Amino acid sequence: MPEPPLRADARRNRARILAAAAEVFDALGTSASTEEVARSAGVAIGTVFRHFPTKADLLAALMKDVQERLAVRAATLAAEGDGQALFTFFAEVVDHAAGARTVVHLLAAGGTDVGVDRQVAGLGGVVEVLLARAREAGTVRAGVAADEVTALLTAACHGALAAGWTPDLRRRTVARLLDGLRP
């Protein structure tokens, strides 16, 4: 039997908790406490645990939220029919990753306990759609596979966190990676 929909106040609390968790974990790492998340969200710890019984559940929800937002963005870009959509999406994701440390650390760690593998697989689907559009437009090299693009994207996101990666270096590095995908 499906769960009943959340009340409006519960939906707002859930959204506040997820936003606070993203900020807290990005700033302090995934070892930050759920109590810190509750304080940041302005809710009681019990409210956090009602929505997310464990910290792993909270991290998994963060990953799912990010994956859903990226899928919506990819769908929007794909609908525009632009052969550059794959490249735009790639650059935007790396820029986002530079500020979203939690997601990148979970990706790097494998994160199987929080569903990272499922979220990356979900992202692979949107990459495939963008890659197909790029193939149709002739803007991507023949033989480039979606799993290769996803692997490059994951590596670039992780690299964006490296010490010394300024926004200019990040932009130039992404440009070089994307040049390698073009015919």
N, C-alpha and C. Protein backbone atom coordinates (compact mmCIF):
# COMPACT_ATOMS: atom_id res chain seq x y z
N MET A 1 0.85 -1.18 0.00
CA MET A 1 0.00 0.00 0.00
C MET A 1 0.89 1.24 0.00
N PRO A 2 0.66 2.19 -0.92
CA PRO A 2 1.51 3.39 -0.96
C PRO A 2 1.31 4.27 0.27
N GLU A 3 2.37 4.98 0.60
CA GLU A 3 2.28 5.89 1.74
C GLU A 3 1.40 7.07 1.38
N PRO A 4 0.65 7.60 2.36
CA PRO A 4 -0.19 8.76 2.05
C PRO A 4 0.71 9.98 1.77
N PRO A 5 0.22 10.92 0.98
CA PRO A 5 1.03 12.11 0.69
C PRO A 5 1.31 12.90 1.98
N LEU A 6 2.45 13.57 1.98
CA LEU A 6 2.80 14.38 3.15
C LEU A 6 1.94 15.63 3.22
N ARG A 7 1.64 16.05 4.45
CA ARG A 7 0.96 17.33 4.65
C ARG A 7 1.88 18.45 4.19
N ALA A 8 1.31 19.61 3.96
CA ALA A 8 2.09 20.75 3.47
C ALA A 8 3.23 21.11 4.43
N ASP A 9 2.96 21.11 5.74
CA ASP A 9 4.02 21.46 6.69
C ASP A 9 5.12 20.39 6.71
N ALA A 10 4.73 19.14 6.55
CA ALA A 10 5.72 18.06 6.51
C ALA A 10 6.58 18.16 5.25
N ARG A 11 5.94 18.54 4.11
CA ARG A 11 6.72 18.74 2.87
C ARG A 11 7.71 19.88 3.04
N ARG A 12 7.28 20.96 3.68
CA ARG A 12 8.18 22.10 3.91
C ARG A 12 9.34 21.69 4.82
N ASN A 13 9.03 20.94 5.89
CA ASN A 13 10.10 20.47 6.79
C ASN A 13 11.08 19.57 6.06
N ARG A 14 10.56 18.68 5.25
CA ARG A 14 11.44 17.78 4.49
C ARG A 14 12.36 18.58 3.58
N ALA A 15 11.79 19.55 2.88
CA ALA A 15 12.60 20.40 1.97
C ALA A 15 13.64 21.19 2.76
N ARG A 16 13.25 21.72 3.93
CA ARG A 16 14.21 22.47 4.77
C ARG A 16 15.33 21.56 5.26
N ILE A 17 14.98 20.35 5.64
CA ILE A 17 15.99 19.40 6.12
C ILE A 17 16.97 19.06 5.00
N LEU A 18 16.45 18.78 3.81
CA LEU A 18 17.35 18.45 2.69
C LEU A 18 18.25 19.62 2.33
N ALA A 19 17.71 20.83 2.32
CA ALA A 19 18.53 22.01 2.00
C ALA A 19 19.60 22.20 3.07
N ALA A 20 19.21 22.07 4.33
CA ALA A 20 20.18 22.23 5.42
C ALA A 20 21.23 21.12 5.37
N ALA A 21 20.81 19.90 5.09
CA ALA A 21 21.76 18.79 5.02
C ALA A 21 22.78 19.02 3.92
N ALA A 22 22.33 19.51 2.78
CA ALA A 22 23.27 19.78 1.68
C ALA A 22 24.30 20.81 2.13
N GLU A 23 23.85 21.86 2.79
CA GLU A 23 24.79 22.90 3.26
C GLU A 23 25.73 22.37 4.33
N VAL A 24 25.18 21.67 5.31
CA VAL A 24 26.00 21.17 6.42
C VAL A 24 27.01 20.14 5.93
N PHE A 25 26.57 19.17 5.14
CA PHE A 25 27.48 18.14 4.66
C PHE A 25 28.49 18.70 3.67
N ASP A 26 28.09 19.68 2.86
CA ASP A 26 29.05 20.31 1.95
C ASP A 26 30.14 21.04 2.74
N ALA A 27 29.74 21.70 3.83
CA ALA A 27 30.69 22.48 4.62
C ALA A 27 31.55 21.60 5.53
N LEU A 28 30.94 20.59 6.14
CA LEU A 28 31.62 19.82 7.18
C LEU A 28 31.95 18.38 6.79
N GLY A 29 31.46 17.95 5.63
CA GLY A 29 31.68 16.58 5.21
C GLY A 29 30.57 15.68 5.72
N THR A 30 30.58 14.45 5.24
CA THR A 30 29.51 13.52 5.58
C THR A 30 29.60 13.01 7.01
N SER A 31 30.67 13.35 7.71
CA SER A 31 30.76 12.95 9.11
C SER A 31 30.02 13.93 10.03
N ALA A 32 29.51 15.03 9.48
CA ALA A 32 28.74 15.99 10.29
C ALA A 32 27.53 15.28 10.88
N SER A 33 27.07 15.77 12.00
CA SER A 33 25.98 15.09 12.71
C SER A 33 24.60 15.50 12.19
N THR A 34 23.65 14.60 12.39
CA THR A 34 22.27 14.93 12.04
C THR A 34 21.73 16.00 12.98
N GLU A 35 22.29 16.11 14.17
CA GLU A 35 21.89 17.18 15.09
C GLU A 35 22.23 18.54 14.49
N GLU A 36 23.40 18.63 13.84
CA GLU A 36 23.79 19.88 13.17
C GLU A 36 22.83 20.18 12.03
N VAL A 37 22.41 19.17 11.31
CA VAL A 37 21.44 19.35 10.22
C VAL A 37 20.13 19.88 10.79
N ALA A 38 19.67 19.29 11.90
CA ALA A 38 18.42 19.73 12.53
C ALA A 38 18.52 21.20 12.95
N ARG A 39 19.63 21.56 13.60
CA ARG A 39 19.82 22.96 14.03
C ARG A 39 19.78 23.90 12.82
N SER A 40 20.48 23.53 11.79
CA SER A 40 20.54 24.36 10.59
C SER A 40 19.17 24.50 9.92
N ALA A 41 18.38 23.43 9.96
CA ALA A 41 17.05 23.45 9.35
C ALA A 41 16.02 24.13 10.24
N GLY A 42 16.36 24.32 11.51
CA GLY A 42 15.42 24.93 12.45
C GLY A 42 14.31 23.99 12.86
N VAL A 43 14.65 22.69 12.93
CA VAL A 43 13.67 21.69 13.36
C VAL A 43 14.28 20.85 14.47
N ALA A 44 13.43 20.11 15.16
CA ALA A 44 13.90 19.20 16.20
C ALA A 44 14.52 17.96 15.55
N ILE A 45 15.43 17.33 16.27
CA ILE A 45 16.09 16.13 15.75
C ILE A 45 15.07 15.04 15.44
N GLY A 46 14.00 14.98 16.23
CA GLY A 46 12.94 14.00 15.98
C GLY A 46 12.29 14.20 14.61
N THR A 47 12.18 15.45 14.19
CA THR A 47 11.61 15.75 12.86
C THR A 47 12.51 15.19 11.77
N VAL A 48 13.82 15.36 11.96
CA VAL A 48 14.77 14.81 10.98
C VAL A 48 14.59 13.29 10.91
N PHE A 49 14.52 12.63 12.08
CA PHE A 49 14.43 11.18 12.09
C PHE A 49 13.07 10.66 11.62
N ARG A 50 12.01 11.47 11.74
CA ARG A 50 10.71 11.04 11.19
C ARG A 50 10.79 10.95 9.66
N HIS A 51 11.51 11.89 9.05
CA HIS A 51 11.65 11.89 7.60
C HIS A 51 12.75 10.94 7.13
N PHE A 52 13.84 10.87 7.91
CA PHE A 52 15.03 10.10 7.52
C PHE A 52 15.50 9.32 8.75
N PRO A 53 15.04 8.07 8.89
CA PRO A 53 15.35 7.30 10.11
C PRO A 53 16.84 7.14 10.41
N THR A 54 17.68 7.16 9.37
CA THR A 54 19.12 7.04 9.58
C THR A 54 19.83 8.12 8.78
N LYS A 55 21.06 8.35 9.13
CA LYS A 55 21.89 9.29 8.38
C LYS A 55 22.06 8.81 6.94
N ALA A 56 22.21 7.51 6.75
CA ALA A 56 22.32 6.95 5.39
C ALA A 56 21.07 7.27 4.57
N ASP A 57 19.90 7.23 5.22
CA ASP A 57 18.66 7.58 4.52
C ASP A 57 18.68 9.04 4.09
N LEU A 58 19.20 9.91 4.94
CA LEU A 58 19.30 11.33 4.62
C LEU A 58 20.26 11.55 3.46
N LEU A 59 21.41 10.90 3.51
CA LEU A 59 22.38 11.02 2.41
C LEU A 59 21.83 10.46 1.11
N ALA A 60 21.12 9.34 1.20
CA ALA A 60 20.49 8.77 0.00
C ALA A 60 19.47 9.73 -0.58
N ALA A 61 18.70 10.37 0.27
CA ALA A 61 17.70 11.35 -0.20
C ALA A 61 18.38 12.54 -0.86
N LEU A 62 19.53 12.96 -0.32
CA LEU A 62 20.28 14.04 -0.96
C LEU A 62 20.73 13.63 -2.35
N MET A 63 21.26 12.42 -2.47
CA MET A 63 21.70 11.93 -3.77
C MET A 63 20.53 11.86 -4.75
N LYS A 64 19.39 11.36 -4.28
CA LYS A 64 18.21 11.25 -5.15
C LYS A 64 17.75 12.63 -5.59
N ASP A 65 17.75 13.59 -4.68
CA ASP A 65 17.33 14.95 -5.00
C ASP A 65 18.25 15.56 -6.07
N VAL A 66 19.54 15.38 -5.91
CA VAL A 66 20.49 15.91 -6.89
C VAL A 66 20.29 15.23 -8.24
N GLN A 67 20.15 13.91 -8.22
CA GLN A 67 19.96 13.18 -9.47
C GLN A 67 18.69 13.62 -10.17
N GLU A 68 17.62 13.83 -9.42
CA GLU A 68 16.36 14.28 -10.03
C GLU A 68 16.49 15.67 -10.64
N ARG A 69 17.16 16.57 -9.92
CA ARG A 69 17.36 17.92 -10.47
C ARG A 69 18.23 17.88 -11.73
N LEU A 70 19.25 17.04 -11.73
CA LEU A 70 20.10 16.92 -12.91
C LEU A 70 19.33 16.30 -14.08
N ALA A 71 18.47 15.33 -13.78
CA ALA A 71 17.67 14.70 -14.84
C ALA A 71 16.71 15.71 -15.46
N VAL A 72 16.11 16.56 -14.64
CA VAL A 72 15.22 17.60 -15.16
C VAL A 72 16.00 18.57 -16.04
N ARG A 73 17.18 18.97 -15.58
CA ARG A 73 18.01 19.89 -16.37
C ARG A 73 18.42 19.25 -17.68
N ALA A 74 18.83 17.98 -17.64
CA ALA A 74 19.23 17.28 -18.86
C ALA A 74 18.05 17.17 -19.83
N ALA A 75 16.86 16.87 -19.31
CA ALA A 75 15.67 16.76 -20.16
C ALA A 75 15.37 18.10 -20.83
N THR A 76 15.51 19.17 -20.07
CA THR A 76 15.29 20.51 -20.63
C THR A 76 16.28 20.79 -21.75
N LEU A 77 17.54 20.50 -21.51
CA LEU A 77 18.56 20.71 -22.54
C LEU A 77 18.31 19.82 -23.76
N ALA A 78 17.94 18.56 -23.53
CA ALA A 78 17.68 17.65 -24.65
C ALA A 78 16.49 18.12 -25.47
N ALA A 79 15.47 18.64 -24.80
CA ALA A 79 14.27 19.12 -25.50
C ALA A 79 14.58 20.32 -26.40
N GLU A 80 15.59 21.08 -26.02
CA GLU A 80 15.98 22.23 -26.83
C GLU A 80 16.59 21.78 -28.16
N GLY A 81 16.99 20.49 -28.24
CA GLY A 81 17.49 19.94 -29.48
C GLY A 81 18.84 20.46 -29.93
N ASP A 82 19.54 21.09 -29.05
CA ASP A 82 20.84 21.68 -29.37
C ASP A 82 21.92 20.60 -29.30
N GLY A 83 22.75 20.50 -30.30
CA GLY A 83 23.84 19.54 -30.32
C GLY A 83 24.90 19.82 -29.27
N GLN A 84 24.82 20.98 -28.64
CA GLN A 84 25.77 21.34 -27.59
C GLN A 84 25.26 21.00 -26.19
N ALA A 85 24.05 20.46 -26.10
CA ALA A 85 23.43 20.21 -24.79
C ALA A 85 24.29 19.32 -23.90
N LEU A 86 24.90 18.28 -24.47
CA LEU A 86 25.75 17.38 -23.68
C LEU A 86 26.90 18.17 -23.05
N PHE A 87 27.51 19.04 -23.84
CA PHE A 87 28.65 19.81 -23.35
C PHE A 87 28.22 20.84 -22.29
N THR A 88 27.07 21.45 -22.51
CA THR A 88 26.53 22.40 -21.53
C THR A 88 26.25 21.69 -20.21
N PHE A 89 25.59 20.52 -20.30
CA PHE A 89 25.25 19.75 -19.12
C PHE A 89 26.51 19.34 -18.36
N PHE A 90 27.50 18.83 -19.07
CA PHE A 90 28.75 18.39 -18.47
C PHE A 90 29.38 19.54 -17.68
N ALA A 91 29.51 20.70 -18.31
CA ALA A 91 30.14 21.85 -17.65
C ALA A 91 29.33 22.31 -16.45
N GLU A 92 28.02 22.32 -16.56
CA GLU A 92 27.17 22.74 -15.43
C GLU A 92 27.29 21.78 -14.25
N VAL A 93 27.35 20.49 -14.53
CA VAL A 93 27.46 19.51 -13.45
C VAL A 93 28.79 19.67 -12.72
N VAL A 94 29.87 19.88 -13.46
CA VAL A 94 31.17 20.06 -12.82
C VAL A 94 31.19 21.35 -12.00
N ASP A 95 30.61 22.41 -12.53
CA ASP A 95 30.52 23.65 -11.75
C ASP A 95 29.72 23.44 -10.47
N HIS A 96 28.61 22.72 -10.58
CA HIS A 96 27.79 22.42 -9.40
C HIS A 96 28.58 21.59 -8.39
N ALA A 97 29.32 20.62 -8.89
CA ALA A 97 30.09 19.73 -8.02
C ALA A 97 31.15 20.48 -7.22
N ALA A 98 31.69 21.54 -7.80
CA ALA A 98 32.72 22.30 -7.11
C ALA A 98 32.19 22.85 -5.79
N GLY A 99 30.89 23.11 -5.72
CA GLY A 99 30.29 23.61 -4.48
C GLY A 99 29.55 22.55 -3.71
N ALA A 100 29.30 21.39 -4.31
CA ALA A 100 28.52 20.33 -3.68
C ALA A 100 29.43 19.18 -3.29
N ARG A 101 30.25 19.41 -2.31
CA ARG A 101 31.27 18.45 -1.92
C ARG A 101 30.70 17.10 -1.49
N THR A 102 29.57 17.09 -0.84
CA THR A 102 29.01 15.85 -0.32
C THR A 102 28.79 14.84 -1.44
N VAL A 103 28.15 15.28 -2.51
CA VAL A 103 27.84 14.37 -3.61
C VAL A 103 29.11 13.79 -4.20
N VAL A 104 30.09 14.64 -4.43
CA VAL A 104 31.33 14.16 -5.04
C VAL A 104 32.05 13.19 -4.11
N HIS A 105 32.08 13.49 -2.81
CA HIS A 105 32.73 12.57 -1.87
C HIS A 105 32.00 11.23 -1.82
N LEU A 106 30.68 11.26 -1.89
CA LEU A 106 29.93 10.01 -1.90
C LEU A 106 30.21 9.22 -3.17
N LEU A 107 30.31 9.92 -4.30
CA LEU A 107 30.65 9.24 -5.56
C LEU A 107 32.03 8.59 -5.46
N ALA A 108 32.98 9.35 -4.94
CA ALA A 108 34.35 8.85 -4.86
C ALA A 108 34.45 7.65 -3.91
N ALA A 109 33.65 7.66 -2.86
CA ALA A 109 33.70 6.59 -1.87
C ALA A 109 32.91 5.35 -2.30
N GLY A 110 32.19 5.46 -3.39
CA GLY A 110 31.37 4.32 -3.83
C GLY A 110 29.97 4.40 -3.30
N GLY A 111 29.80 4.84 -2.09
CA GLY A 111 28.51 5.16 -1.49
C GLY A 111 27.41 4.14 -1.65
N THR A 112 27.74 2.86 -1.69
CA THR A 112 26.69 1.88 -1.92
C THR A 112 25.65 1.88 -0.80
N ASP A 113 26.02 2.29 0.41
CA ASP A 113 25.05 2.29 1.50
C ASP A 113 24.06 3.44 1.39
N VAL A 114 24.28 4.41 0.53
CA VAL A 114 23.34 5.52 0.35
C VAL A 114 22.80 5.57 -1.08
N GLY A 115 22.97 4.54 -1.84
CA GLY A 115 22.38 4.47 -3.16
C GLY A 115 23.08 5.24 -4.25
N VAL A 116 24.36 5.57 -4.05
CA VAL A 116 25.09 6.33 -5.06
C VAL A 116 25.13 5.57 -6.38
N ASP A 117 25.31 4.25 -6.31
CA ASP A 117 25.38 3.48 -7.55
C ASP A 117 24.09 3.61 -8.35
N ARG A 118 22.94 3.60 -7.67
CA ARG A 118 21.66 3.76 -8.37
C ARG A 118 21.53 5.16 -8.96
N GLN A 119 22.02 6.16 -8.22
CA GLN A 119 21.90 7.54 -8.70
C GLN A 119 22.80 7.78 -9.90
N VAL A 120 24.01 7.23 -9.88
CA VAL A 120 24.91 7.37 -11.02
C VAL A 120 24.31 6.64 -12.22
N ALA A 121 23.73 5.47 -11.98
CA ALA A 121 23.07 4.74 -13.08
C ALA A 121 21.94 5.58 -13.66
N GLY A 122 21.19 6.26 -12.80
CA GLY A 122 20.12 7.14 -13.27
C GLY A 122 20.66 8.30 -14.08
N LEU A 123 21.79 8.81 -13.69
CA LEU A 123 22.43 9.90 -14.43
C LEU A 123 22.94 9.39 -15.76
N GLY A 124 23.38 8.14 -15.81
CA GLY A 124 23.83 7.56 -17.07
C GLY A 124 22.73 7.58 -18.12
N GLY A 125 21.49 7.41 -17.70
CA GLY A 125 20.36 7.46 -18.63
C GLY A 125 20.20 8.83 -19.27
N VAL A 126 20.35 9.89 -18.47
CA VAL A 126 20.21 11.23 -19.05
C VAL A 126 21.41 11.57 -19.91
N VAL A 127 22.57 11.05 -19.53
CA VAL A 127 23.76 11.26 -20.37
C VAL A 127 23.56 10.59 -21.73
N GLU A 128 22.97 9.40 -21.72
CA GLU A 128 22.71 8.69 -22.98
C GLU A 128 21.80 9.51 -23.90
N VAL A 129 20.77 10.11 -23.34
CA VAL A 129 19.85 10.94 -24.14
C VAL A 129 20.61 12.13 -24.74
N LEU A 130 21.40 12.80 -23.92
CA LEU A 130 22.18 13.94 -24.41
C LEU A 130 23.21 13.50 -25.44
N LEU A 131 23.82 12.36 -25.21
CA LEU A 131 24.80 11.84 -26.15
C LEU A 131 24.14 11.50 -27.49
N ALA A 132 22.96 10.93 -27.44
CA ALA A 132 22.22 10.62 -28.69
C ALA A 132 21.93 11.90 -29.47
N ARG A 133 21.54 12.96 -28.77
CA ARG A 133 21.28 14.25 -29.43
C ARG A 133 22.57 14.80 -30.05
N ALA A 134 23.67 14.65 -29.33
CA ALA A 134 24.95 15.14 -29.85
C ALA A 134 25.37 14.33 -31.07
N ARG A 135 25.12 13.02 -31.05
CA ARG A 135 25.44 12.18 -32.21
C ARG A 135 24.63 12.63 -33.43
N GLU A 136 23.31 12.87 -33.21
CA GLU A 136 22.43 13.31 -34.30
C GLU A 136 22.92 14.64 -34.89
N ALA A 137 23.43 15.51 -34.04
CA ALA A 137 23.90 16.83 -34.49
C ALA A 137 25.32 16.78 -35.03
N GLY A 138 26.00 15.65 -34.85
CA GLY A 138 27.38 15.52 -35.32
C GLY A 138 28.38 16.31 -34.49
N THR A 139 28.03 16.57 -33.22
CA THR A 139 28.92 17.37 -32.37
C THR A 139 29.80 16.52 -31.46
N VAL A 140 29.62 15.18 -31.51
CA VAL A 140 30.43 14.30 -30.68
C VAL A 140 31.12 13.27 -31.58
N ARG A 141 32.30 12.90 -31.19
CA ARG A 141 33.12 11.93 -31.91
C ARG A 141 32.40 10.58 -32.00
N ALA A 142 32.52 9.91 -33.13
CA ALA A 142 31.93 8.58 -33.30
C ALA A 142 32.57 7.63 -32.29
N GLY A 143 31.76 6.74 -31.76
CA GLY A 143 32.28 5.73 -30.85
C GLY A 143 32.30 6.12 -29.39
N VAL A 144 31.98 7.37 -29.06
CA VAL A 144 31.94 7.78 -27.66
C VAL A 144 30.73 7.11 -27.01
N ALA A 145 30.96 6.45 -25.89
CA ALA A 145 29.89 5.74 -25.18
C ALA A 145 29.46 6.51 -23.94
N ALA A 146 28.21 6.31 -23.56
CA ALA A 146 27.65 7.01 -22.40
C ALA A 146 28.42 6.70 -21.13
N ASP A 147 28.85 5.44 -20.95
CA ASP A 147 29.59 5.11 -19.74
C ASP A 147 30.93 5.84 -19.68
N GLU A 148 31.52 6.10 -20.84
CA GLU A 148 32.77 6.87 -20.88
C GLU A 148 32.52 8.32 -20.47
N VAL A 149 31.43 8.88 -20.98
CA VAL A 149 31.09 10.26 -20.62
C VAL A 149 30.79 10.36 -19.13
N THR A 150 30.05 9.39 -18.62
CA THR A 150 29.72 9.38 -17.18
C THR A 150 30.98 9.24 -16.34
N ALA A 151 31.92 8.39 -16.77
CA ALA A 151 33.18 8.23 -16.03
C ALA A 151 33.98 9.53 -16.06
N LEU A 152 34.05 10.18 -17.22
CA LEU A 152 34.76 11.47 -17.32
C LEU A 152 34.09 12.52 -16.44
N LEU A 153 32.76 12.51 -16.45
CA LEU A 153 32.02 13.47 -15.63
C LEU A 153 32.29 13.26 -14.15
N THR A 154 32.27 12.00 -13.72
CA THR A 154 32.55 11.69 -12.31
C THR A 154 33.97 12.12 -11.94
N ALA A 155 34.93 11.83 -12.80
CA ALA A 155 36.32 12.21 -12.53
C ALA A 155 36.48 13.73 -12.49
N ALA A 156 35.84 14.42 -13.41
CA ALA A 156 35.95 15.88 -13.44
C ALA A 156 35.30 16.50 -12.20
N CYS A 157 34.20 15.94 -11.76
CA CYS A 157 33.55 16.44 -10.54
C CYS A 157 34.46 16.24 -9.33
N HIS A 158 35.08 15.08 -9.26
CA HIS A 158 36.01 14.83 -8.16
C HIS A 158 37.21 15.77 -8.24
N GLY A 159 37.72 15.97 -9.44
CA GLY A 159 38.85 16.88 -9.64
C GLY A 159 38.52 18.31 -9.27
N ALA A 160 37.27 18.70 -9.45
CA ALA A 160 36.87 20.08 -9.13
C ALA A 160 37.05 20.41 -7.66
N LEU A 161 37.20 19.38 -6.83
CA LEU A 161 37.40 19.60 -5.40
C LEU A 161 38.87 19.69 -5.00
N ALA A 162 39.75 19.41 -5.94
CA ALA A 162 41.18 19.37 -5.63
C ALA A 162 41.69 20.75 -5.23
N ALA A 163 42.64 20.74 -4.33
CA ALA A 163 43.28 21.99 -3.92
C ALA A 163 43.90 22.65 -5.15
N GLY A 164 43.73 23.92 -5.26
CA GLY A 164 44.32 24.67 -6.35
C GLY A 164 43.45 24.75 -7.59
N TRP A 165 42.31 24.05 -7.59
CA TRP A 165 41.41 24.12 -8.75
C TRP A 165 40.60 25.41 -8.64
N THR A 166 41.09 26.42 -9.28
CA THR A 166 40.38 27.70 -9.31
C THR A 166 39.24 27.58 -10.33
N PRO A 167 38.30 28.50 -10.30
CA PRO A 167 37.25 28.45 -11.33
C PRO A 167 37.83 28.51 -12.75
N ASP A 168 38.90 29.26 -12.95
CA ASP A 168 39.51 29.34 -14.28
C ASP A 168 40.11 27.99 -14.68
N LEU A 169 40.83 27.35 -13.76
CA LEU A 169 41.41 26.04 -14.06
C LEU A 169 40.30 25.03 -14.33
N ARG A 170 39.24 25.07 -13.54
CA ARG A 170 38.11 24.16 -13.75
C ARG A 170 37.53 24.37 -15.16
N ARG A 171 37.31 25.61 -15.55
CA ARG A 171 36.75 25.92 -16.87
C ARG A 171 37.67 25.41 -17.98
N ARG A 172 38.97 25.66 -17.84
CA ARG A 172 39.92 25.23 -18.87
C ARG A 172 40.02 23.71 -18.94
N THR A 173 40.01 23.05 -17.79
CA THR A 173 40.10 21.59 -17.76
C THR A 173 38.88 20.95 -18.39
N VAL A 174 37.70 21.47 -18.05
CA VAL A 174 36.47 20.94 -18.65
C VAL A 174 36.49 21.16 -20.15
N ALA A 175 36.96 22.32 -20.59
CA ALA A 175 37.05 22.59 -22.03
C ALA A 175 37.94 21.56 -22.72
N ARG A 176 39.06 21.20 -22.12
CA ARG A 176 39.97 20.20 -22.71
C ARG A 176 39.30 18.82 -22.77
N LEU A 177 38.62 18.45 -21.68
CA LEU A 177 37.91 17.17 -21.67
C LEU A 177 36.85 17.13 -22.78
N LEU A 178 36.10 18.19 -22.89
CA LEU A 178 35.04 18.23 -23.88
C LEU A 178 35.59 18.27 -25.31
N ASP A 179 36.72 18.92 -25.48
CA ASP A 179 37.37 18.93 -26.80
C ASP A 179 37.67 17.50 -27.24
N GLY A 180 38.03 16.63 -26.29
CA GLY A 180 38.35 15.25 -26.61
C GLY A 180 37.13 14.44 -27.06
N LEU A 181 35.94 14.93 -26.75
CA LEU A 181 34.72 14.24 -27.18
C LEU A 181 34.25 14.71 -28.55
N ARG A 182 34.73 15.85 -28.99
CA ARG A 182 34.27 16.42 -30.26
C ARG A 182 34.97 15.74 -31.45
N PRO A 183 34.29 15.75 -32.61
CA PRO A 183 34.92 15.15 -33.82
C PRO A 183 36.18 15.89 -34.21
